[in-house]
Every structure is written in structure tokens, then in C-alpha cells.
Amino acid sequence: MPTAVLAEDRLFVLEAFGAPPADTVVRFDPATPRVIILRHAPPDNSPFAELHFPAGAFEGGGEVEVRVTVVPGVYGLEFTTSATLRPVARVVFKYPQHFAAPAGARERYGSDVLYEQALVVGQALPEGRVALLPSTRPAADNLAAAIPGTGRYLVVAPR
């Protein structure tokens, strides 16, 4: 359940610099838990995001295909699946090295640290809206949220 829904132009989207992760396609047995790990391109291979799918996350049987596309220049990804996804998956964005506060965020929040503390995972909705999802910090420079289904997810903070 989102905590709020805002127009995307009322949000600061966390920017990412450096070589982005490659888009990926993964096929696996949905009866087995799976974590898809996205890393920035070489040479650093630092973590970017993880998609966690517990056993039974997909309806039906047989192999499932997950396609992940990274949103250029920001901490965001979009993914689709070949089977219906139950609302039990989660995403973890990791930004230990490629964090870049967008223009205006430092002025609004006073520092990168205060901007980082305001970040949440947002789900892109139709008509330029974003649902702000309840988010946690499982570790330093990590932001996690349960995700209701396939789609586009971004790391954001209110303007």
C-alpha cells in the first residue's frame, strides 16, 4: 500500500553516474527462490539493485522469464515477467558509489545526507504519477521495498 501518490515532477529522482548495469533476461524455475543481482559495468562491478523473488512468487508452473531494463542516468529499473507475479517480491537499490543528488536536492534538504534519509522507492504509475512505497534501509546505502508487481521502480524523494 503506497504512503502517497505524487506527480513525478514533484519528486527528486536519485541520479546515477558511471557505467550503468546491462539489461538482463533471467529464466528460472518459479518453485525455487531467486535473487537477480544487477551490477554496474566493469571495471568496478559495484552493486546497483537486487530483485528478490521467493518460491511461489509466480502463478502457474513451468519456467518463468524475467526481463530487467535499467532506467538510464538514475537509480531505476523496469521489469516484466512471463508469468503473473504475486505481490511478494521486493527490490533493493544499492548506491554506495554512484549516488548523485539531482539539481536542487541539496538546496531543498540542506545536504546529501538529509536528502538520502528522505529517499523511498517509488512505483511509476500512468499519467506521470509515482506511488511512494513503504521503504526500509537493510544496510547503509541500501533502500528496499516490497513491490506489488511488474513495472518501473525509481529511488525518489519529495521536492
C-alpha atoms as a PDB file:
ATOM      1  CA  MET A   1       0.000   0.000   0.000  1.00  0.00           C
ATOM      2  CA  PRO A   2       1.607   3.320  -1.051  1.00  0.00           C
ATOM      3  CA  THR A   3       2.166   6.045   1.522  1.00  0.00           C
ATOM      4  CA  ALA A   4       1.380   8.757  -1.072  1.00  0.00           C
ATOM      5  CA  VAL A   5       0.981   9.297  -4.811  1.00  0.00           C
ATOM      6  CA  LEU A   6       2.709  12.334  -6.348  1.00  0.00           C
ATOM      7  CA  ALA A   7       3.345  13.693  -9.818  1.00  0.00           C
ATOM      8  CA  GLU A   8       6.848  12.736 -10.977  1.00  0.00           C
ATOM      9  CA  ASP A   9       7.705  16.432 -11.415  1.00  0.00           C
ATOM     10  CA  ARG A  10       7.165  16.860  -7.641  1.00  0.00           C
ATOM     11  CA  LEU A  11       9.974  14.378  -6.893  1.00  0.00           C
ATOM     12  CA  PHE A  12      13.759  14.354  -6.952  1.00  0.00           C
ATOM     13  CA  VAL A  13      14.909  11.126  -8.646  1.00  0.00           C
ATOM     14  CA  LEU A  14      18.282   9.831  -7.383  1.00  0.00           C
ATOM     15  CA  GLU A  15      20.778  10.124 -10.212  1.00  0.00           C
ATOM     16  CA  ALA A  16      23.458   7.547 -11.010  1.00  0.00           C
ATOM     17  CA  PHE A  17      26.777   8.191 -12.700  1.00  0.00           C
ATOM     18  CA  GLY A  18      29.302   5.814 -14.224  1.00  0.00           C
ATOM     19  CA  ALA A  19      28.749   2.826 -16.445  1.00  0.00           C
ATOM     20  CA  PRO A  20      25.195   1.515 -15.905  1.00  0.00           C
ATOM     21  CA  PRO A  21      24.310  -2.134 -15.458  1.00  0.00           C
ATOM     22  CA  ALA A  22      23.425  -4.080 -18.563  1.00  0.00           C
ATOM     23  CA  ASP A  23      19.828  -5.039 -19.181  1.00  0.00           C
ATOM     24  CA  THR A  24      19.258  -8.697 -18.429  1.00  0.00           C
ATOM     25  CA  VAL A  25      16.972 -11.657 -19.010  1.00  0.00           C
ATOM     26  CA  VAL A  26      16.807 -14.497 -16.481  1.00  0.00           C
ATOM     27  CA  ARG A  27      14.874 -17.772 -16.774  1.00  0.00           C
ATOM     28  CA  PHE A  28      14.303 -19.999 -13.762  1.00  0.00           C
ATOM     29  CA  ASP A  29      12.030 -22.468 -12.013  1.00  0.00           C
ATOM     30  CA  PRO A  30       9.484 -20.423 -10.010  1.00  0.00           C
ATOM     31  CA  ALA A  31       9.386 -23.084  -7.283  1.00  0.00           C
ATOM     32  CA  THR A  32      12.908 -22.032  -6.262  1.00  0.00           C
ATOM     33  CA  PRO A  33      13.659 -18.645  -4.651  1.00  0.00           C
ATOM     34  CA  ARG A  34      15.717 -16.383  -6.895  1.00  0.00           C
ATOM     35  CA  VAL A  35      17.642 -13.134  -6.456  1.00  0.00           C
ATOM     36  CA  ILE A  36      18.588 -11.230  -9.604  1.00  0.00           C
ATOM     37  CA  ILE A  37      21.616  -9.017  -8.908  1.00  0.00           C
ATOM     38  CA  LEU A  38      22.353  -6.050 -11.155  1.00  0.00           C
ATOM     39  CA  ARG A  39      25.863  -4.571 -11.045  1.00  0.00           C
ATOM     40  CA  HIS A  40      27.390  -1.511 -12.652  1.00  0.00           C
ATOM     41  CA  ALA A  41      29.518  -2.362 -15.664  1.00  0.00           C
ATOM     42  CA  PRO A  42      33.246  -3.113 -15.304  1.00  0.00           C
ATOM     43  CA  PRO A  43      35.692  -2.117 -14.089  1.00  0.00           C
ATOM     44  CA  ASP A  44      34.059  -1.542 -10.684  1.00  0.00           C
ATOM     45  CA  ASN A  45      31.144  -4.034 -10.826  1.00  0.00           C
ATOM     46  CA  SER A  46      29.606  -2.307  -7.797  1.00  0.00           C
ATOM     47  CA  PRO A  47      26.058  -3.281  -6.812  1.00  0.00           C
ATOM     48  CA  PHE A  48      23.113  -1.387  -8.322  1.00  0.00           C
ATOM     49  CA  ALA A  49      19.974  -3.339  -7.378  1.00  0.00           C
ATOM     50  CA  GLU A  50      18.574  -6.732  -6.460  1.00  0.00           C
ATOM     51  CA  LEU A  51      15.180  -8.217  -7.286  1.00  0.00           C
ATOM     52  CA  HIS A  52      14.070 -10.862  -4.771  1.00  0.00           C
ATOM     53  CA  PHE A  53      11.520 -13.498  -5.814  1.00  0.00           C
ATOM     54  CA  PRO A  54      10.562 -16.013  -3.101  1.00  0.00           C
ATOM     55  CA  ALA A  55       9.475 -19.537  -4.003  1.00  0.00           C
ATOM     56  CA  GLY A  56       5.908 -19.436  -5.307  1.00  0.00           C
ATOM     57  CA  ALA A  57       6.113 -15.770  -6.336  1.00  0.00           C
ATOM     58  CA  PHE A  58       4.618 -16.599  -9.735  1.00  0.00           C
ATOM     59  CA  GLU A  59       1.281 -18.102 -10.680  1.00  0.00           C
ATOM     60  CA  GLY A  60       1.300 -21.281 -12.747  1.00  0.00           C
ATOM     61  CA  GLY A  61       4.070 -23.756 -13.355  1.00  0.00           C
ATOM     62  CA  GLY A  62       6.952 -24.139 -15.732  1.00  0.00           C
ATOM     63  CA  GLU A  63       9.894 -21.878 -16.338  1.00  0.00           C
ATOM     64  CA  VAL A  64       9.448 -18.122 -15.807  1.00  0.00           C
ATOM     65  CA  GLU A  65      11.313 -15.374 -17.645  1.00  0.00           C
ATOM     66  CA  VAL A  66      12.156 -12.020 -16.024  1.00  0.00           C
ATOM     67  CA  ARG A  67      13.364  -9.135 -18.226  1.00  0.00           C
ATOM     68  CA  VAL A  68      15.046  -6.215 -16.457  1.00  0.00           C
ATOM     69  CA  THR A  69      15.863  -2.880 -18.082  1.00  0.00           C
ATOM     70  CA  VAL A  70      17.820  -0.193 -16.245  1.00  0.00           C
ATOM     71  CA  VAL A  71      16.496   3.392 -16.487  1.00  0.00           C
ATOM     72  CA  PRO A  72      19.448   5.439 -17.865  1.00  0.00           C
ATOM     73  CA  GLY A  73      21.068   8.031 -15.595  1.00  0.00           C
ATOM     74  CA  VAL A  74      19.040   7.307 -12.459  1.00  0.00           C
ATOM     75  CA  TYR A  75      18.524   4.648  -9.829  1.00  0.00           C
ATOM     76  CA  GLY A  76      15.604   2.992 -11.522  1.00  0.00           C
ATOM     77  CA  LEU A  77      14.663  -0.206 -13.266  1.00  0.00           C
ATOM     78  CA  GLU A  78      11.760  -1.669 -15.164  1.00  0.00           C
ATOM     79  CA  PHE A  79      10.935  -5.342 -15.300  1.00  0.00           C
ATOM     80  CA  THR A  80       8.434  -7.679 -16.903  1.00  0.00           C
ATOM     81  CA  THR A  81       7.729 -11.355 -16.357  1.00  0.00           C
ATOM     82  CA  SER A  82       6.329 -14.146 -18.494  1.00  0.00           C
ATOM     83  CA  ALA A  83       4.030 -15.278 -15.646  1.00  0.00           C
ATOM     84  CA  THR A  84       1.776 -13.334 -13.311  1.00  0.00           C
ATOM     85  CA  LEU A  85       3.733 -12.102 -10.293  1.00  0.00           C
ATOM     86  CA  ARG A  86       2.112 -12.289  -6.874  1.00  0.00           C
ATOM     87  CA  PRO A  87       2.717  -9.244  -4.620  1.00  0.00           C
ATOM     88  CA  VAL A  88       5.507 -10.933  -2.626  1.00  0.00           C
ATOM     89  CA  ALA A  89       8.643  -9.748  -4.441  1.00  0.00           C
ATOM     90  CA  ARG A  90      10.918  -6.936  -3.318  1.00  0.00           C
ATOM     91  CA  VAL A  91      13.568  -4.654  -4.739  1.00  0.00           C
ATOM     92  CA  VAL A  92      16.739  -3.441  -3.028  1.00  0.00           C
ATOM     93  CA  PHE A  93      18.553  -0.485  -4.591  1.00  0.00           C
ATOM     94  CA  LYS A  94      22.235  -0.123  -3.654  1.00  0.00           C
ATOM     95  CA  TYR A  95      24.017   3.192  -4.088  1.00  0.00           C
ATOM     96  CA  PRO A  96      27.355   3.101  -2.199  1.00  0.00           C
ATOM     97  CA  GLN A  97      29.467   4.591  -5.018  1.00  0.00           C
ATOM     98  CA  HIS A  98      27.315   6.059  -7.797  1.00  0.00           C
ATOM     99  CA  PHE A  99      24.983   8.272  -5.693  1.00  0.00           C
ATOM    100  CA  ALA A 100      24.378  11.692  -7.286  1.00  0.00           C
ATOM    101  CA  ALA A 101      21.903  14.145  -5.771  1.00  0.00           C
ATOM    102  CA  PRO A 102      19.926  15.880  -8.553  1.00  0.00           C
ATOM    103  CA  ALA A 103      19.974  19.645  -9.049  1.00  0.00           C
ATOM    104  CA  GLY A 104      18.004  21.341  -6.302  1.00  0.00           C
ATOM    105  CA  ALA A 105      18.065  18.439  -3.823  1.00  0.00           C
ATOM    106  CA  ARG A 106      20.916  19.846  -1.709  1.00  0.00           C
ATOM    107  CA  GLU A 107      19.172  23.208  -1.527  1.00  0.00           C
ATOM    108  CA  ARG A 108      15.860  21.601  -0.534  1.00  0.00           C
ATOM    109  CA  TYR A 109      17.296  19.194   2.053  1.00  0.00           C
ATOM    110  CA  GLY A 110      20.438  21.055   3.162  1.00  0.00           C
ATOM    111  CA  SER A 111      22.877  18.191   2.485  1.00  0.00           C
ATOM    112  CA  ASP A 112      23.332  14.924   0.638  1.00  0.00           C
ATOM    113  CA  VAL A 113      22.884  13.060   3.943  1.00  0.00           C
ATOM    114  CA  LEU A 114      19.476  14.618   4.641  1.00  0.00           C
ATOM    115  CA  TYR A 115      18.430  14.028   1.011  1.00  0.00           C
ATOM    116  CA  GLU A 116      19.473  10.368   1.321  1.00  0.00           C
ATOM    117  CA  GLN A 117      17.407   9.996   4.500  1.00  0.00           C
ATOM    118  CA  ALA A 118      14.293  11.203   2.623  1.00  0.00           C
ATOM    119  CA  LEU A 119      14.633   8.636  -0.194  1.00  0.00           C
ATOM    120  CA  VAL A 120      11.961   5.994  -0.802  1.00  0.00           C
ATOM    121  CA  VAL A 121      11.220   3.519  -3.576  1.00  0.00           C
ATOM    122  CA  GLY A 122       8.550   4.760  -5.966  1.00  0.00           C
ATOM    123  CA  GLN A 123       6.440   2.813  -8.439  1.00  0.00           C
ATOM    124  CA  ALA A 124       5.755   4.643 -11.711  1.00  0.00           C
ATOM    125  CA  LEU A 125       2.046   4.864 -12.477  1.00  0.00           C
ATOM    126  CA  PRO A 126       0.169   6.092 -15.571  1.00  0.00           C
ATOM    127  CA  GLU A 127      -0.098   9.806 -16.324  1.00  0.00           C
ATOM    128  CA  GLY A 128       3.283  10.715 -14.795  1.00  0.00           C
ATOM    129  CA  ARG A 129       2.377   9.770 -11.239  1.00  0.00           C
ATOM    130  CA  VAL A 130       4.529   7.850  -8.757  1.00  0.00           C
ATOM    131  CA  ALA A 131       3.310   5.779  -5.796  1.00  0.00           C
ATOM    132  CA  LEU A 132       5.678   6.144  -2.841  1.00  0.00           C
ATOM    133  CA  LEU A 133       6.162   2.713  -1.279  1.00  0.00           C
ATOM    134  CA  PRO A 134       6.965   1.984   2.366  1.00  0.00           C
ATOM    135  CA  SER A 135      10.737   1.591   2.281  1.00  0.00           C
ATOM    136  CA  THR A 136      13.404   0.300   4.629  1.00  0.00           C
ATOM    137  CA  ARG A 137      17.178   0.525   4.856  1.00  0.00           C
ATOM    138  CA  PRO A 138      18.509  -3.028   5.333  1.00  0.00           C
ATOM    139  CA  ALA A 139      22.102  -1.689   5.279  1.00  0.00           C
ATOM    140  CA  ALA A 140      23.973   1.559   4.704  1.00  0.00           C
ATOM    141  CA  ASP A 141      23.365   2.952   1.222  1.00  0.00           C
ATOM    142  CA  ASN A 142      20.594   0.378   0.580  1.00  0.00           C
ATOM    143  CA  LEU A 143      16.900   1.073   0.091  1.00  0.00           C
ATOM    144  CA  ALA A 144      14.334  -1.744  -0.063  1.00  0.00           C
ATOM    145  CA  ALA A 145      10.604  -2.060  -0.670  1.00  0.00           C
ATOM    146  CA  ALA A 146       8.032  -4.746  -1.271  1.00  0.00           C
ATOM    147  CA  ILE A 147       6.783  -4.355  -4.826  1.00  0.00           C
ATOM    148  CA  PRO A 148       3.208  -5.024  -5.901  1.00  0.00           C
ATOM    149  CA  GLY A 149       4.064  -6.333  -9.367  1.00  0.00           C
ATOM    150  CA  THR A 150       5.964  -5.732 -12.555  1.00  0.00           C
ATOM    151  CA  GLY A 151       6.664  -2.211 -13.750  1.00  0.00           C
ATOM    152  CA  ARG A 152       9.027   0.693 -13.312  1.00  0.00           C
ATOM    153  CA  TYR A 153      10.602   1.495  -9.925  1.00  0.00           C
ATOM    154  CA  LEU A 154      12.666   4.562  -9.010  1.00  0.00           C
ATOM    155  CA  VAL A 155      14.507   5.901  -5.965  1.00  0.00           C
ATOM    156  CA  VAL A 156      12.877   9.261  -5.167  1.00  0.00           C
ATOM    157  CA  ALA A 157      12.349  11.961  -2.525  1.00  0.00           C
ATOM    158  CA  PRO A 158       9.678  14.677  -2.429  1.00  0.00           C
ATOM    159  CA  ARG A 159      10.688  18.120  -3.734  1.00  0.00           C
END
